[in-house]
Amino acid sequence: MPFKRYVEIGRVALVNYGEDYGKLVVIVDVLDQNRALVDAPDMVRSQMNFKRLSLTDIKIDIKRVPKKKELLAAMEAAGKLNNF
């Protein structure tokens, strides 16, 4: 069975540790082998360690490091977060 959940731009992840525990975030850029730049509608864009993220099967089609407005529009257009 092939692996399906890769760390990639647009991948939706669930925060599993820290003050943002339980929030859904979107990976907008990969900084290095241990960290990603994540963003969500209700939080400030920040870097997060991969150990704090649980990847989901949901992927949103966005470009690298979109503006907040573009990210929100892409999330609404995808409509996939309502299924989670």
PDB file of N, CA and C in Angstrom:
ATOM      1  N   MET A   1       0.849  -1.172   0.000  1.00  0.00           N
ATOM      2  CA  MET A   1       0.000   0.000   0.000  1.00  0.00           C
ATOM      3  C   MET A   1       0.898   1.240   0.000  1.00  0.00           C
ATOM      4  N   PRO A   2       0.810   2.088  -1.010  1.00  0.00           N
ATOM      5  CA  PRO A   2       1.692   3.251  -1.097  1.00  0.00           C
ATOM      6  C   PRO A   2       1.320   4.323  -0.077  1.00  0.00           C
ATOM      7  N   PHE A   3       2.322   5.108   0.275  1.00  0.00           N
ATOM      8  CA  PHE A   3       2.133   6.200   1.214  1.00  0.00           C
ATOM      9  C   PHE A   3       1.409   7.339   0.507  1.00  0.00           C
ATOM     10  N   LYS A   4       0.373   7.914   1.118  1.00  0.00           N
ATOM     11  CA  LYS A   4      -0.453   8.931   0.473  1.00  0.00           C
ATOM     12  C   LYS A   4      -0.310  10.324   1.074  1.00  0.00           C
ATOM     13  N   ARG A   5       0.161  10.424   2.276  1.00  0.00           N
ATOM     14  CA  ARG A   5       0.195  11.715   2.962  1.00  0.00           C
ATOM     15  C   ARG A   5       1.616  12.281   2.960  1.00  0.00           C
ATOM     16  N   TYR A   6       1.907  13.102   1.981  1.00  0.00           N
ATOM     17  CA  TYR A   6       3.215  13.727   1.879  1.00  0.00           C
ATOM     18  C   TYR A   6       3.149  15.152   2.405  1.00  0.00           C
ATOM     19  N   VAL A   7       4.283  15.634   2.914  1.00  0.00           N
ATOM     20  CA  VAL A   7       4.374  17.032   3.309  1.00  0.00           C
ATOM     21  C   VAL A   7       4.526  17.831   2.027  1.00  0.00           C
ATOM     22  N   GLU A   8       3.526  18.633   1.709  1.00  0.00           N
ATOM     23  CA  GLU A   8       3.544  19.422   0.484  1.00  0.00           C
ATOM     24  C   GLU A   8       2.719  20.682   0.686  1.00  0.00           C
ATOM     25  N   ILE A   9       2.953  21.651  -0.171  1.00  0.00           N
ATOM     26  CA  ILE A   9       2.234  22.916  -0.077  1.00  0.00           C
ATOM     27  C   ILE A   9       0.755  22.674  -0.368  1.00  0.00           C
ATOM     28  N   GLY A  10      -0.087  23.137   0.534  1.00  0.00           N
ATOM     29  CA  GLY A  10      -1.523  22.947   0.394  1.00  0.00           C
ATOM     30  C   GLY A  10      -2.069  21.800   1.230  1.00  0.00           C
ATOM     31  N   ARG A  11      -1.200  21.010   1.838  1.00  0.00           N
ATOM     32  CA  ARG A  11      -1.652  19.882   2.664  1.00  0.00           C
ATOM     33  C   ARG A  11      -2.254  20.420   3.960  1.00  0.00           C
ATOM     34  N   VAL A  12      -3.405  19.938   4.326  1.00  0.00           N
ATOM     35  CA  VAL A  12      -4.064  20.317   5.578  1.00  0.00           C
ATOM     36  C   VAL A  12      -3.563  19.382   6.670  1.00  0.00           C
ATOM     37  N   ALA A  13      -3.229  19.968   7.823  1.00  0.00           N
ATOM     38  CA  ALA A  13      -2.703  19.187   8.938  1.00  0.00           C
ATOM     39  C   ALA A  13      -3.435  19.577  10.218  1.00  0.00           C
ATOM     40  N   LEU A  14      -3.408  18.681  11.163  1.00  0.00           N
ATOM     41  CA  LEU A  14      -4.009  18.902  12.475  1.00  0.00           C
ATOM     42  C   LEU A  14      -2.881  19.090  13.478  1.00  0.00           C
ATOM     43  N   VAL A  15      -2.937  20.163  14.257  1.00  0.00           N
ATOM     44  CA  VAL A  15      -1.905  20.420  15.262  1.00  0.00           C
ATOM     45  C   VAL A  15      -2.152  19.486  16.438  1.00  0.00           C
ATOM     46  N   ASN A  16      -1.130  18.709  16.816  1.00  0.00           N
ATOM     47  CA  ASN A  16      -1.304  17.713  17.867  1.00  0.00           C
ATOM     48  C   ASN A  16      -0.570  18.047  19.162  1.00  0.00           C
ATOM     49  N   TYR A  17      -0.011  19.258  19.263  1.00  0.00           N
ATOM     50  CA  TYR A  17       0.717  19.625  20.470  1.00  0.00           C
ATOM     51  C   TYR A  17       0.830  21.143  20.544  1.00  0.00           C
ATOM     52  N   GLY A  18       0.826  21.697  21.749  1.00  0.00           N
ATOM     53  CA  GLY A  18       1.064  23.118  21.944  1.00  0.00           C
ATOM     54  C   GLY A  18      -0.210  23.918  22.129  1.00  0.00           C
ATOM     55  N   GLU A  19      -0.055  25.220  22.061  1.00  0.00           N
ATOM     56  CA  GLU A  19      -1.192  26.111  22.327  1.00  0.00           C
ATOM     57  C   GLU A  19      -2.232  26.089  21.209  1.00  0.00           C
ATOM     58  N   ASP A  20      -1.855  25.647  20.029  1.00  0.00           N
ATOM     59  CA  ASP A  20      -2.797  25.544  18.910  1.00  0.00           C
ATOM     60  C   ASP A  20      -3.341  24.134  18.750  1.00  0.00           C
ATOM     61  N   TYR A  21      -3.280  23.334  19.797  1.00  0.00           N
ATOM     62  CA  TYR A  21      -3.718  21.938  19.762  1.00  0.00           C
ATOM     63  C   TYR A  21      -5.151  21.821  19.238  1.00  0.00           C
ATOM     64  N   GLY A  22      -5.345  20.931  18.270  1.00  0.00           N
ATOM     65  CA  GLY A  22      -6.672  20.674  17.743  1.00  0.00           C
ATOM     66  C   GLY A  22      -7.088  21.547  16.571  1.00  0.00           C
ATOM     67  N   LYS A  23      -6.260  22.511  16.183  1.00  0.00           N
ATOM     68  CA  LYS A  23      -6.608  23.391  15.069  1.00  0.00           C
ATOM     69  C   LYS A  23      -6.175  22.771  13.744  1.00  0.00           C
ATOM     70  N   LEU A  24      -6.939  23.047  12.710  1.00  0.00           N
ATOM     71  CA  LEU A  24      -6.565  22.650  11.352  1.00  0.00           C
ATOM     72  C   LEU A  24      -5.763  23.781  10.723  1.00  0.00           C
ATOM     73  N   VAL A  25      -4.614  23.443  10.158  1.00  0.00           N
ATOM     74  CA  VAL A  25      -3.753  24.423   9.507  1.00  0.00           C
ATOM     75  C   VAL A  25      -3.423  23.934   8.101  1.00  0.00           C
ATOM     76  N   VAL A  26      -2.955  24.852   7.265  1.00  0.00           N
ATOM     77  CA  VAL A  26      -2.547  24.521   5.901  1.00  0.00           C
ATOM     78  C   VAL A  26      -1.060  24.819   5.772  1.00  0.00           C
ATOM     79  N   ILE A  27      -0.312  23.884   5.207  1.00  0.00           N
ATOM     80  CA  ILE A  27       1.116  24.101   4.969  1.00  0.00           C
ATOM     81  C   ILE A  27       1.243  25.002   3.748  1.00  0.00           C
ATOM     82  N   VAL A  28       1.862  26.187   3.928  1.00  0.00           N
ATOM     83  CA  VAL A  28       2.029  27.124   2.821  1.00  0.00           C
ATOM     84  C   VAL A  28       3.460  27.165   2.303  1.00  0.00           C
ATOM     85  N   ASP A  29       4.422  26.646   3.074  1.00  0.00           N
ATOM     86  CA  ASP A  29       5.808  26.565   2.616  1.00  0.00           C
ATOM     87  C   ASP A  29       6.559  25.582   3.507  1.00  0.00           C
ATOM     88  N   VAL A  30       7.540  24.911   2.927  1.00  0.00           N
ATOM     89  CA  VAL A  30       8.406  24.008   3.680  1.00  0.00           C
ATOM     90  C   VAL A  30       9.716  24.747   3.899  1.00  0.00           C
ATOM     91  N   LEU A  31      10.085  24.982   5.166  1.00  0.00           N
ATOM     92  CA  LEU A  31      11.276  25.760   5.482  1.00  0.00           C
ATOM     93  C   LEU A  31      12.543  24.916   5.428  1.00  0.00           C
ATOM     94  N   ASP A  32      12.529  23.775   6.070  1.00  0.00           N
ATOM     95  CA  ASP A  32      13.643  22.831   6.012  1.00  0.00           C
ATOM     96  C   ASP A  32      13.098  21.445   6.320  1.00  0.00           C
ATOM     97  N   GLN A  33      13.977  20.502   6.623  1.00  0.00           N
ATOM     98  CA  GLN A  33      13.518  19.127   6.817  1.00  0.00           C
ATOM     99  C   GLN A  33      12.745  18.916   8.109  1.00  0.00           C
ATOM    100  N   ASN A  34      12.697  19.909   8.983  1.00  0.00           N
ATOM    101  CA  ASN A  34      12.001  19.762  10.257  1.00  0.00           C
ATOM    102  C   ASN A  34      10.840  20.730  10.465  1.00  0.00           C
ATOM    103  N   ARG A  35      10.743  21.780   9.647  1.00  0.00           N
ATOM    104  CA  ARG A  35       9.760  22.823   9.910  1.00  0.00           C
ATOM    105  C   ARG A  35       9.001  23.235   8.653  1.00  0.00           C
ATOM    106  N   ALA A  36       7.783  23.703   8.877  1.00  0.00           N
ATOM    107  CA  ALA A  36       6.951  24.215   7.786  1.00  0.00           C
ATOM    108  C   ALA A  36       6.318  25.531   8.227  1.00  0.00           C
ATOM    109  N   LEU A  37       5.996  26.355   7.254  1.00  0.00           N
ATOM    110  CA  LEU A  37       5.254  27.578   7.491  1.00  0.00           C
ATOM    111  C   LEU A  37       3.782  27.232   7.330  1.00  0.00           C
ATOM    112  N   VAL A  38       2.992  27.449   8.378  1.00  0.00           N
ATOM    113  CA  VAL A  38       1.581  27.069   8.359  1.00  0.00           C
ATOM    114  C   VAL A  38       0.708  28.299   8.574  1.00  0.00           C
ATOM    115  N   ASP A  39      -0.525  28.196   8.104  1.00  0.00           N
ATOM    116  CA  ASP A  39      -1.472  29.294   8.238  1.00  0.00           C
ATOM    117  C   ASP A  39      -2.874  28.717   8.366  1.00  0.00           C
ATOM    118  N   ALA A  40      -3.742  29.463   9.013  1.00  0.00           N
ATOM    119  CA  ALA A  40      -5.142  29.085   9.180  1.00  0.00           C
ATOM    120  C   ALA A  40      -5.955  30.374   9.289  1.00  0.00           C
ATOM    121  N   PRO A  41      -7.253  30.302   9.045  1.00  0.00           N
ATOM    122  CA  PRO A  41      -8.076  31.517   9.106  1.00  0.00           C
ATOM    123  C   PRO A  41      -8.074  32.197  10.474  1.00  0.00           C
ATOM    124  N   ASP A  42      -7.958  31.429  11.541  1.00  0.00           N
ATOM    125  CA  ASP A  42      -8.071  31.993  12.884  1.00  0.00           C
ATOM    126  C   ASP A  42      -6.744  32.098  13.621  1.00  0.00           C
ATOM    127  N   MET A  43      -5.615  32.053  12.899  1.00  0.00           N
ATOM    128  CA  MET A  43      -4.320  32.178  13.562  1.00  0.00           C
ATOM    129  C   MET A  43      -3.349  32.955  12.683  1.00  0.00           C
ATOM    130  N   VAL A  44      -2.264  33.407  13.295  1.00  0.00           N
ATOM    131  CA  VAL A  44      -1.222  34.133  12.584  1.00  0.00           C
ATOM    132  C   VAL A  44      -0.311  33.126  11.899  1.00  0.00           C
ATOM    133  N   ARG A  45       0.149  33.446  10.708  1.00  0.00           N
ATOM    134  CA  ARG A  45       1.073  32.572   9.977  1.00  0.00           C
ATOM    135  C   ARG A  45       2.336  32.382  10.814  1.00  0.00           C
ATOM    136  N   SER A  46       2.738  31.135  11.005  1.00  0.00           N
ATOM    137  CA  SER A  46       3.898  30.849  11.843  1.00  0.00           C
ATOM    138  C   SER A  46       4.579  29.573  11.383  1.00  0.00           C
ATOM    139  N   GLN A  47       5.792  29.373  11.877  1.00  0.00           N
ATOM    140  CA  GLN A  47       6.502  28.141  11.564  1.00  0.00           C
ATOM    141  C   GLN A  47       6.190  27.102  12.631  1.00  0.00           C
ATOM    142  N   MET A  48       6.141  25.849  12.212  1.00  0.00           N
ATOM    143  CA  MET A  48       5.788  24.777  13.128  1.00  0.00           C
ATOM    144  C   MET A  48       6.603  23.539  12.788  1.00  0.00           C
ATOM    145  N   ASN A  49       7.021  22.844  13.822  1.00  0.00           N
ATOM    146  CA  ASN A  49       7.789  21.622  13.657  1.00  0.00           C
ATOM    147  C   ASN A  49       6.870  20.510  13.152  1.00  0.00           C
ATOM    148  N   PHE A  50       7.408  19.632  12.293  1.00  0.00           N
ATOM    149  CA  PHE A  50       6.599  18.537  11.745  1.00  0.00           C
ATOM    150  C   PHE A  50       6.129  17.571  12.830  1.00  0.00           C
ATOM    151  N   LYS A  51       6.847  17.491  13.927  1.00  0.00           N
ATOM    152  CA  LYS A  51       6.439  16.603  15.018  1.00  0.00           C
ATOM    153  C   LYS A  51       5.134  17.071  15.659  1.00  0.00           C
ATOM    154  N   ARG A  52       4.814  18.343  15.495  1.00  0.00           N
ATOM    155  CA  ARG A  52       3.576  18.890  16.064  1.00  0.00           C
ATOM    156  C   ARG A  52       2.391  18.795  15.115  1.00  0.00           C
ATOM    157  N   LEU A  53       2.611  18.249  13.917  1.00  0.00           N
ATOM    158  CA  LEU A  53       1.555  18.187  12.909  1.00  0.00           C
ATOM    159  C   LEU A  53       1.179  16.750  12.588  1.00  0.00           C
ATOM    160  N   SER A  54      -0.106  16.508  12.434  1.00  0.00           N
ATOM    161  CA  SER A  54      -0.615  15.232  11.930  1.00  0.00           C
ATOM    162  C   SER A  54      -1.224  15.517  10.563  1.00  0.00           C
ATOM    163  N   LEU A  55      -0.646  14.942   9.518  1.00  0.00           N
ATOM    164  CA  LEU A  55      -1.113  15.196   8.157  1.00  0.00           C
ATOM    165  C   LEU A  55      -2.456  14.524   7.917  1.00  0.00           C
ATOM    166  N   THR A  56      -3.307  15.185   7.140  1.00  0.00           N
ATOM    167  CA  THR A  56      -4.605  14.623   6.768  1.00  0.00           C
ATOM    168  C   THR A  56      -4.578  14.270   5.277  1.00  0.00           C
ATOM    169  N   ASP A  57      -5.643  13.667   4.795  1.00  0.00           N
ATOM    170  CA  ASP A  57      -5.756  13.327   3.375  1.00  0.00           C
ATOM    171  C   ASP A  57      -6.185  14.527   2.530  1.00  0.00           C
ATOM    172  N   ILE A  58      -6.516  15.630   3.164  1.00  0.00           N
ATOM    173  CA  ILE A  58      -7.044  16.794   2.459  1.00  0.00           C
ATOM    174  C   ILE A  58      -5.899  17.636   1.901  1.00  0.00           C
ATOM    175  N   LYS A  59      -6.016  18.027   0.641  1.00  0.00           N
ATOM    176  CA  LYS A  59      -5.034  18.911   0.007  1.00  0.00           C
ATOM    177  C   LYS A  59      -5.775  20.001  -0.745  1.00  0.00           C
ATOM    178  N   ILE A  60      -5.332  21.238  -0.554  1.00  0.00           N
ATOM    179  CA  ILE A  60      -5.924  22.396  -1.210  1.00  0.00           C
ATOM    180  C   ILE A  60      -4.961  22.864  -2.296  1.00  0.00           C
ATOM    181  N   ASP A  61      -5.486  23.203  -3.451  1.00  0.00           N
ATOM    182  CA  ASP A  61      -4.649  23.640  -4.563  1.00  0.00           C
ATOM    183  C   ASP A  61      -4.321  25.123  -4.402  1.00  0.00           C
ATOM    184  N   ILE A  62      -3.113  25.415  -3.887  1.00  0.00           N
ATOM    185  CA  ILE A  62      -2.645  26.793  -3.710  1.00  0.00           C
ATOM    186  C   ILE A  62      -1.219  26.893  -4.229  1.00  0.00           C
ATOM    187  N   LYS A  63      -0.783  28.132  -4.464  1.00  0.00           N
ATOM    188  CA  LYS A  63       0.608  28.344  -4.835  1.00  0.00           C
ATOM    189  C   LYS A  63       1.436  28.518  -3.564  1.00  0.00           C
ATOM    190  N   ARG A  64       2.730  28.605  -3.717  1.00  0.00           N
ATOM    191  CA  ARG A  64       3.626  28.715  -2.571  1.00  0.00           C
ATOM    192  C   ARG A  64       3.493  30.092  -1.927  1.00  0.00           C
ATOM    193  N   VAL A  65       3.344  30.141  -0.616  1.00  0.00           N
ATOM    194  CA  VAL A  65       3.215  31.335   0.221  1.00  0.00           C
ATOM    195  C   VAL A  65       2.170  32.316  -0.330  1.00  0.00           C
ATOM    196  N   PRO A  66       0.903  31.897  -0.340  1.00  0.00           N
ATOM    197  CA  PRO A  66      -0.153  32.808  -0.805  1.00  0.00           C
ATOM    198  C   PRO A  66      -0.475  33.859   0.254  1.00  0.00           C
ATOM    199  N   LYS A  67      -1.081  34.934  -0.185  1.00  0.00           N
ATOM    200  CA  LYS A  67      -1.555  35.935   0.763  1.00  0.00           C
ATOM    201  C   LYS A  67      -2.734  35.343   1.523  1.00  0.00           C
ATOM    202  N   LYS A  68      -3.025  35.910   2.675  1.00  0.00           N
ATOM    203  CA  LYS A  68      -4.103  35.405   3.528  1.00  0.00           C
ATOM    204  C   LYS A  68      -5.438  35.375   2.775  1.00  0.00           C
ATOM    205  N   LYS A  69      -5.699  36.422   2.008  1.00  0.00           N
ATOM    206  CA  LYS A  69      -6.948  36.520   1.256  1.00  0.00           C
ATOM    207  C   LYS A  69      -7.054  35.397   0.218  1.00  0.00           C
ATOM    208  N   GLU A  70      -5.938  35.101  -0.470  1.00  0.00           N
ATOM    209  CA  GLU A  70      -5.927  34.035  -1.474  1.00  0.00           C
ATOM    210  C   GLU A  70      -6.116  32.670  -0.822  1.00  0.00           C
ATOM    211  N   LEU A  71      -5.506  32.485   0.347  1.00  0.00           N
ATOM    212  CA  LEU A  71      -5.638  31.219   1.066  1.00  0.00           C
ATOM    213  C   LEU A  71      -7.087  30.992   1.499  1.00  0.00           C
ATOM    214  N   LEU A  72      -7.724  32.022   2.040  1.00  0.00           N
ATOM    215  CA  LEU A  72      -9.119  31.892   2.470  1.00  0.00           C
ATOM    216  C   LEU A  72     -10.036  31.588   1.290  1.00  0.00           C
ATOM    217  N   ALA A  73      -9.781  32.228   0.151  1.00  0.00           N
ATOM    218  CA  ALA A  73     -10.595  31.978  -1.041  1.00  0.00           C
ATOM    219  C   ALA A  73     -10.417  30.544  -1.530  1.00  0.00           C
ATOM    220  N   ALA A  74      -9.189  30.045  -1.502  1.00  0.00           N
ATOM    221  CA  ALA A  74      -8.927  28.670  -1.940  1.00  0.00           C
ATOM    222  C   ALA A  74      -9.564  27.664  -0.986  1.00  0.00           C
ATOM    223  N   MET A  75      -9.553  27.967   0.310  1.00  0.00           N
ATOM    224  CA  MET A  75     -10.160  27.065   1.291  1.00  0.00           C
ATOM    225  C   MET A  75     -11.673  27.014   1.108  1.00  0.00           C
ATOM    226  N   GLU A  76     -12.284  28.158   0.842  1.00  0.00           N
ATOM    227  CA  GLU A  76     -13.735  28.186   0.618  1.00  0.00           C
ATOM    228  C   GLU A  76     -14.105  27.490  -0.685  1.00  0.00           C
ATOM    229  N   ALA A  77     -13.283  27.695  -1.714  1.00  0.00           N
ATOM    230  CA  ALA A  77     -13.560  27.074  -3.013  1.00  0.00           C
ATOM    231  C   ALA A  77     -13.448  25.553  -2.930  1.00  0.00           C
ATOM    232  N   ALA A  78     -12.487  25.074  -2.154  1.00  0.00           N
ATOM    233  CA  ALA A  78     -12.309  23.624  -2.018  1.00  0.00           C
ATOM    234  C   ALA A  78     -13.456  23.027  -1.215  1.00  0.00           C
ATOM    235  N   GLY A  79     -13.874  23.705  -0.151  1.00  0.00           N
ATOM    236  CA  GLY A  79     -14.989  23.231   0.659  1.00  0.00           C
ATOM    237  C   GLY A  79     -14.730  21.906   1.347  1.00  0.00           C
ATOM    238  N   LYS A  80     -13.479  21.504   1.441  1.00  0.00           N
ATOM    239  CA  LYS A  80     -13.153  20.198   2.000  1.00  0.00           C
ATOM    240  C   LYS A  80     -13.038  20.210   3.519  1.00  0.00           C
ATOM    241  N   LEU A  81     -12.847  21.384   4.106  1.00  0.00           N
ATOM    242  CA  LEU A  81     -12.672  21.438   5.549  1.00  0.00           C
ATOM    243  C   LEU A  81     -13.967  21.136   6.282  1.00  0.00           C
ATOM    244  N   ASN A  82     -15.091  21.310   5.624  1.00  0.00           N
ATOM    245  CA  ASN A  82     -16.372  20.992   6.257  1.00  0.00           C
ATOM    246  C   ASN A  82     -16.546  19.493   6.430  1.00  0.00           C
ATOM    247  N   ASN A  83     -15.868  18.704   5.600  1.00  0.00           N
ATOM    248  CA  ASN A  83     -15.978  17.249   5.686  1.00  0.00           C
ATOM    249  C   ASN A  83     -15.152  16.671   6.821  1.00  0.00           C
ATOM    250  N   PHE A  84     -14.183  17.438   7.319  1.00  0.00           N
ATOM    251  CA  PHE A  84     -13.278  16.896   8.328  1.00  0.00           C
ATOM    252  C   PHE A  84     -13.948  16.817   9.677  1.00  0.00           C
TER     253      PHE A  84
END
